[in-house]
Amino acid sequence: MRSHLSHVTSVTFCHIDESNEPLDTTDPLIRVELSELIENLSDDDRKVFILKASGYSIEEIANHMGISKTRVKQRLVRIKRKMEEYIDEI
């Protein structure tokens, strides 16, 4: 199962804000802020984020990374917390 996920190296960030409008990722400022946010994640957290944002299930991510589904969920909670902290700073 690891081989079919190995091609995923980046993700297009498609976030819906409170107005339910897609985030304008063509805006250079938003692209820089999103890039900085993702770059500030640890390598494993970044990998979990990219795989999850690319549509892979928690089970697929766990199998690919050789960790438990619980560990994937813990990483996603930590990523969400870091994103919330980052957003509060900007």
C-alpha atoms as a PDB file:
ATOM      1  CA  MET A   1       0.000   0.000   0.000  1.00  0.00           C
ATOM      2  CA  ARG A   2       2.920   2.358   0.519  1.00  0.00           C
ATOM      3  CA  SER A   3       3.734   2.615  -3.170  1.00  0.00           C
ATOM      4  CA  HIS A   4       0.473   4.175  -4.347  1.00  0.00           C
ATOM      5  CA  LEU A   5       0.859   7.094  -1.910  1.00  0.00           C
ATOM      6  CA  SER A   6       4.525   7.778  -2.537  1.00  0.00           C
ATOM      7  CA  HIS A   7       3.774  10.166  -5.426  1.00  0.00           C
ATOM      8  CA  VAL A   8       1.990  12.691  -3.167  1.00  0.00           C
ATOM      9  CA  THR A   9       4.401  15.552  -2.509  1.00  0.00           C
ATOM     10  CA  SER A  10       2.177  18.630  -2.361  1.00  0.00           C
ATOM     11  CA  VAL A  11      -1.411  19.684  -1.992  1.00  0.00           C
ATOM     12  CA  THR A  12      -3.608  22.430  -3.321  1.00  0.00           C
ATOM     13  CA  PHE A  13      -5.148  24.101  -0.288  1.00  0.00           C
ATOM     14  CA  CYS A  14      -8.893  24.379  -0.725  1.00  0.00           C
ATOM     15  CA  HIS A  15     -10.273  25.987   2.411  1.00  0.00           C
ATOM     16  CA  ILE A  16     -13.794  27.282   2.823  1.00  0.00           C
ATOM     17  CA  ASP A  17     -14.017  30.296   5.123  1.00  0.00           C
ATOM     18  CA  GLU A  18     -17.015  31.487   7.154  1.00  0.00           C
ATOM     19  CA  SER A  19     -18.672  32.949   4.059  1.00  0.00           C
ATOM     20  CA  ASN A  20     -18.506  29.530   2.351  1.00  0.00           C
ATOM     21  CA  GLU A  21     -16.460  31.055  -0.437  1.00  0.00           C
ATOM     22  CA  PRO A  22     -13.292  29.239  -1.521  1.00  0.00           C
ATOM     23  CA  LEU A  23     -10.086  30.762  -0.214  1.00  0.00           C
ATOM     24  CA  ASP A  24      -8.430  32.703  -3.033  1.00  0.00           C
ATOM     25  CA  THR A  25      -5.193  30.757  -3.280  1.00  0.00           C
ATOM     26  CA  THR A  26      -4.148  32.880  -6.257  1.00  0.00           C
ATOM     27  CA  ASP A  27      -3.570  35.785  -3.858  1.00  0.00           C
ATOM     28  CA  PRO A  28       0.226  35.839  -3.374  1.00  0.00           C
ATOM     29  CA  LEU A  29      -0.071  36.851   0.294  1.00  0.00           C
ATOM     30  CA  ILE A  30      -2.387  33.954   1.105  1.00  0.00           C
ATOM     31  CA  ARG A  31      -0.146  31.530  -0.794  1.00  0.00           C
ATOM     32  CA  VAL A  32       2.899  32.691   1.199  1.00  0.00           C
ATOM     33  CA  GLU A  33       1.056  32.438   4.517  1.00  0.00           C
ATOM     34  CA  LEU A  34      -0.228  28.944   3.695  1.00  0.00           C
ATOM     35  CA  SER A  35       3.229  27.863   2.560  1.00  0.00           C
ATOM     36  CA  GLU A  36       4.782  29.167   5.775  1.00  0.00           C
ATOM     37  CA  LEU A  37       2.164  27.398   7.856  1.00  0.00           C
ATOM     38  CA  ILE A  38       2.747  24.073   6.110  1.00  0.00           C
ATOM     39  CA  GLU A  39       6.539  24.490   6.172  1.00  0.00           C
ATOM     40  CA  ASN A  40       6.441  25.051   9.943  1.00  0.00           C
ATOM     41  CA  LEU A  41       4.944  21.609  10.509  1.00  0.00           C
ATOM     42  CA  SER A  42       7.259  18.731  11.375  1.00  0.00           C
ATOM     43  CA  ASP A  43       8.059  16.407   8.473  1.00  0.00           C
ATOM     44  CA  ASP A  44       5.643  13.734   9.718  1.00  0.00           C
ATOM     45  CA  ASP A  45       2.869  16.235  10.458  1.00  0.00           C
ATOM     46  CA  ARG A  46       3.338  17.790   7.018  1.00  0.00           C
ATOM     47  CA  LYS A  47       3.090  14.372   5.408  1.00  0.00           C
ATOM     48  CA  VAL A  48      -0.111  13.574   7.338  1.00  0.00           C
ATOM     49  CA  PHE A  49      -1.553  16.970   6.389  1.00  0.00           C
ATOM     50  CA  ILE A  50      -0.730  16.583   2.709  1.00  0.00           C
ATOM     51  CA  LEU A  51      -2.101  13.049   2.520  1.00  0.00           C
ATOM     52  CA  LYS A  52      -5.297  13.950   4.383  1.00  0.00           C
ATOM     53  CA  ALA A  53      -5.815  17.104   2.305  1.00  0.00           C
ATOM     54  CA  SER A  54      -5.293  14.963  -0.802  1.00  0.00           C
ATOM     55  CA  GLY A  55      -8.249  12.813   0.181  1.00  0.00           C
ATOM     56  CA  TYR A  56      -6.614   9.788   1.757  1.00  0.00           C
ATOM     57  CA  SER A  57      -8.387   8.131   4.683  1.00  0.00           C
ATOM     58  CA  ILE A  58      -6.928   7.909   8.160  1.00  0.00           C
ATOM     59  CA  GLU A  59      -6.490   4.175   7.640  1.00  0.00           C
ATOM     60  CA  GLU A  60      -4.611   4.679   4.351  1.00  0.00           C
ATOM     61  CA  ILE A  61      -2.343   7.272   5.951  1.00  0.00           C
ATOM     62  CA  ALA A  62      -1.661   4.984   8.923  1.00  0.00           C
ATOM     63  CA  ASN A  63      -0.794   2.078   6.636  1.00  0.00           C
ATOM     64  CA  HIS A  64       1.410   4.241   4.434  1.00  0.00           C
ATOM     65  CA  MET A  65       3.336   5.731   7.351  1.00  0.00           C
ATOM     66  CA  GLY A  66       3.456   2.543   9.410  1.00  0.00           C
ATOM     67  CA  ILE A  67       1.711   4.111  12.412  1.00  0.00           C
ATOM     68  CA  SER A  68      -1.609   3.501  14.136  1.00  0.00           C
ATOM     69  CA  LYS A  69      -4.856   5.204  13.157  1.00  0.00           C
ATOM     70  CA  THR A  70      -4.891   6.712  16.652  1.00  0.00           C
ATOM     71  CA  ARG A  71      -1.478   8.279  16.011  1.00  0.00           C
ATOM     72  CA  VAL A  72      -2.722   9.760  12.712  1.00  0.00           C
ATOM     73  CA  LYS A  73      -5.730  11.244  14.530  1.00  0.00           C
ATOM     74  CA  GLN A  74      -3.429  12.685  17.222  1.00  0.00           C
ATOM     75  CA  ARG A  75      -1.282  14.293  14.541  1.00  0.00           C
ATOM     76  CA  LEU A  76      -4.362  15.781  12.862  1.00  0.00           C
ATOM     77  CA  VAL A  77      -5.486  17.284  16.185  1.00  0.00           C
ATOM     78  CA  ARG A  78      -2.010  18.767  16.684  1.00  0.00           C
ATOM     79  CA  ILE A  79      -1.992  20.144  13.116  1.00  0.00           C
ATOM     80  CA  LYS A  80      -5.403  21.726  13.643  1.00  0.00           C
ATOM     81  CA  ARG A  81      -4.201  23.329  16.884  1.00  0.00           C
ATOM     82  CA  LYS A  82      -1.076  24.700  15.170  1.00  0.00           C
ATOM     83  CA  MET A  83      -3.188  26.087  12.330  1.00  0.00           C
ATOM     84  CA  GLU A  84      -5.534  27.790  14.771  1.00  0.00           C
ATOM     85  CA  GLU A  85      -2.564  29.325  16.614  1.00  0.00           C
ATOM     86  CA  TYR A  86      -1.052  30.474  13.330  1.00  0.00           C
ATOM     87  CA  ILE A  87      -4.319  32.036  12.190  1.00  0.00           C
ATOM     88  CA  ASP A  88      -4.661  33.866  15.520  1.00  0.00           C
ATOM     89  CA  GLU A  89      -1.213  35.404  14.964  1.00  0.00           C
ATOM     90  CA  ILE A  90      -1.946  36.847  11.515  1.00  0.00           C
END
